Each structure stands twice: as C-alpha cells, then as structure tokens.
Amino acid sequence: MSSFLLESSRKLARRQLLREWGSWKN
C-alpha cells in the first residue's frame, strides 16, 4: 500500500512540476 501511495505522490509531484514549468515558460 505504501508503495502505491509513493507512486501516486510521485506522479502528482511530476504533474505539478510540469504544470509549473509550462506556466513559467508561457
């Protein structure tokens, strides 16, 4: 279960990072 949580949190962080990057670029 913890591994699943870790993966989901990692995915969320990556998505947020990508979104921030996009907003910073534009």
PDB file of N, CA and C in Angstrom:
ATOM      1  N   MET A   1       0.843  -1.196   0.000  1.00  0.00           N
ATOM      2  CA  MET A   1       0.000   0.000   0.000  1.00  0.00           C
ATOM      3  C   MET A   1       0.888   1.259   0.000  1.00  0.00           C
ATOM      4  N   SER A   2       1.882   1.245   0.850  1.00  0.00           N
ATOM      5  CA  SER A   2       2.756   2.426   0.921  1.00  0.00           C
ATOM      6  C   SER A   2       3.405   2.682  -0.444  1.00  0.00           C
ATOM      7  N   SER A   3       3.783   1.596  -1.127  1.00  0.00           N
ATOM      8  CA  SER A   3       4.421   1.765  -2.441  1.00  0.00           C
ATOM      9  C   SER A   3       3.449   2.454  -3.395  1.00  0.00           C
ATOM     10  N   PHE A   4       2.179   2.067  -3.340  1.00  0.00           N
ATOM     11  CA  PHE A   4       1.175   2.689  -4.224  1.00  0.00           C
ATOM     12  C   PHE A   4       1.059   4.181  -3.917  1.00  0.00           C
ATOM     13  N   LEU A   5       1.048   4.501  -2.614  1.00  0.00           N
ATOM     14  CA  LEU A   5       0.945   5.907  -2.218  1.00  0.00           C
ATOM     15  C   LEU A   5       2.157   6.685  -2.725  1.00  0.00           C
ATOM     16  N   LEU A   6       3.315   6.058  -2.597  1.00  0.00           N
ATOM     17  CA  LEU A   6       4.538   6.728  -3.036  1.00  0.00           C
ATOM     18  C   LEU A   6       4.478   7.007  -4.532  1.00  0.00           C
ATOM     19  N   GLU A   7       4.040   6.004  -5.293  1.00  0.00           N
ATOM     20  CA  GLU A   7       3.951   6.169  -6.754  1.00  0.00           C
ATOM     21  C   GLU A   7       2.967   7.284  -7.102  1.00  0.00           C
ATOM     22  N   SER A   8       1.814   7.277  -6.444  1.00  0.00           N
ATOM     23  CA  SER A   8       0.796   8.295  -6.744  1.00  0.00           C
ATOM     24  C   SER A   8       1.335   9.684  -6.391  1.00  0.00           C
ATOM     25  N   SER A   9       1.988   9.785  -5.243  1.00  0.00           N
ATOM     26  CA  SER A   9       2.528  11.092  -4.839  1.00  0.00           C
ATOM     27  C   SER A   9       3.592  11.539  -5.835  1.00  0.00           C
ATOM     28  N   ARG A  10       4.401  10.585  -6.297  1.00  0.00           N
ATOM     29  CA  ARG A  10       5.450  10.938  -7.254  1.00  0.00           C
ATOM     30  C   ARG A  10       4.829  11.443  -8.559  1.00  0.00           C
ATOM     31  N   LYS A  11       3.772  10.729  -8.999  1.00  0.00           N
ATOM     32  CA  LYS A  11       3.092  11.146 -10.234  1.00  0.00           C
ATOM     33  C   LYS A  11       2.515  12.546 -10.072  1.00  0.00           C
ATOM     34  N   LEU A  12       1.905  12.790  -8.906  1.00  0.00           N
ATOM     35  CA  LEU A  12       1.300  14.100  -8.675  1.00  0.00           C
ATOM     36  C   LEU A  12       2.371  15.185  -8.692  1.00  0.00           C
ATOM     37  N   ALA A  13       3.467  14.926  -8.024  1.00  0.00           N
ATOM     38  CA  ALA A  13       4.549  15.920  -7.976  1.00  0.00           C
ATOM     39  C   ALA A  13       5.050  16.199  -9.386  1.00  0.00           C
ATOM     40  N   ARG A  14       5.217  15.134 -10.183  1.00  0.00           N
ATOM     41  CA  ARG A  14       5.721  15.328 -11.549  1.00  0.00           C
ATOM     42  C   ARG A  14       4.736  16.171 -12.355  1.00  0.00           C
ATOM     43  N   ARG A  15       3.437  15.895 -12.174  1.00  0.00           N
ATOM     44  CA  ARG A  15       2.429  16.647 -12.930  1.00  0.00           C
ATOM     45  C   ARG A  15       2.466  18.120 -12.523  1.00  0.00           C
ATOM     46  N   GLN A  16       2.569  18.358 -11.202  1.00  0.00           N
ATOM     47  CA  GLN A  16       2.596  19.740 -10.726  1.00  0.00           C
ATOM     48  C   GLN A  16       3.837  20.449 -11.267  1.00  0.00           C
ATOM     49  N   LEU A  17       4.967  19.732 -11.272  1.00  0.00           N
ATOM     50  CA  LEU A  17       6.200  20.330 -11.763  1.00  0.00           C
ATOM     51  C   LEU A  17       6.043  20.704 -13.232  1.00  0.00           C
ATOM     52  N   LEU A  18       5.465  19.778 -14.000  1.00  0.00           N
ATOM     53  CA  LEU A  18       5.273  20.042 -15.429  1.00  0.00           C
ATOM     54  C   LEU A  18       4.367  21.253 -15.625  1.00  0.00           C
ATOM     55  N   ARG A  19       3.305  21.326 -14.836  1.00  0.00           N
ATOM     56  CA  ARG A  19       2.376  22.448 -14.966  1.00  0.00           C
ATOM     57  C   ARG A  19       3.094  23.758 -14.651  1.00  0.00           C
ATOM     58  N   GLU A  20       3.884  23.758 -13.572  1.00  0.00           N
ATOM     59  CA  GLU A  20       4.602  24.974 -13.196  1.00  0.00           C
ATOM     60  C   GLU A  20       5.569  25.373 -14.311  1.00  0.00           C
ATOM     61  N   TRP A  21       6.249  24.378 -14.876  1.00  0.00           N
ATOM     62  CA  TRP A  21       7.198  24.650 -15.949  1.00  0.00           C
ATOM     63  C   TRP A  21       6.489  25.314 -17.121  1.00  0.00           C
ATOM     64  N   GLY A  22       5.323  24.736 -17.491  1.00  0.00           N
ATOM     65  CA  GLY A  22       4.560  25.281 -18.622  1.00  0.00           C
ATOM     66  C   GLY A  22       4.159  26.718 -18.345  1.00  0.00           C
ATOM     67  N   SER A  23       3.636  26.984 -17.154  1.00  0.00           N
ATOM     68  CA  SER A  23       3.193  28.341 -16.826  1.00  0.00           C
ATOM     69  C   SER A  23       4.401  29.281 -16.819  1.00  0.00           C
ATOM     70  N   TRP A  24       5.546  28.812 -16.358  1.00  0.00           N
ATOM     71  CA  TRP A  24       6.737  29.659 -16.324  1.00  0.00           C
ATOM     72  C   TRP A  24       7.227  29.947 -17.742  1.00  0.00           C
ATOM     73  N   LYS A  25       7.154  28.914 -18.612  1.00  0.00           N
ATOM     74  CA  LYS A  25       7.606  29.093 -19.994  1.00  0.00           C
ATOM     75  C   LYS A  25       6.709  30.099 -20.709  1.00  0.00           C
ATOM     76  N   ASN A  26       5.391  29.928 -20.539  1.00  0.00           N
ATOM     77  CA  ASN A  26       4.456  30.841 -21.225  1.00  0.00           C
ATOM     78  C   ASN A  26       4.292  32.063 -20.385  1.00  0.00           C
TER      79      ASN A  26
END
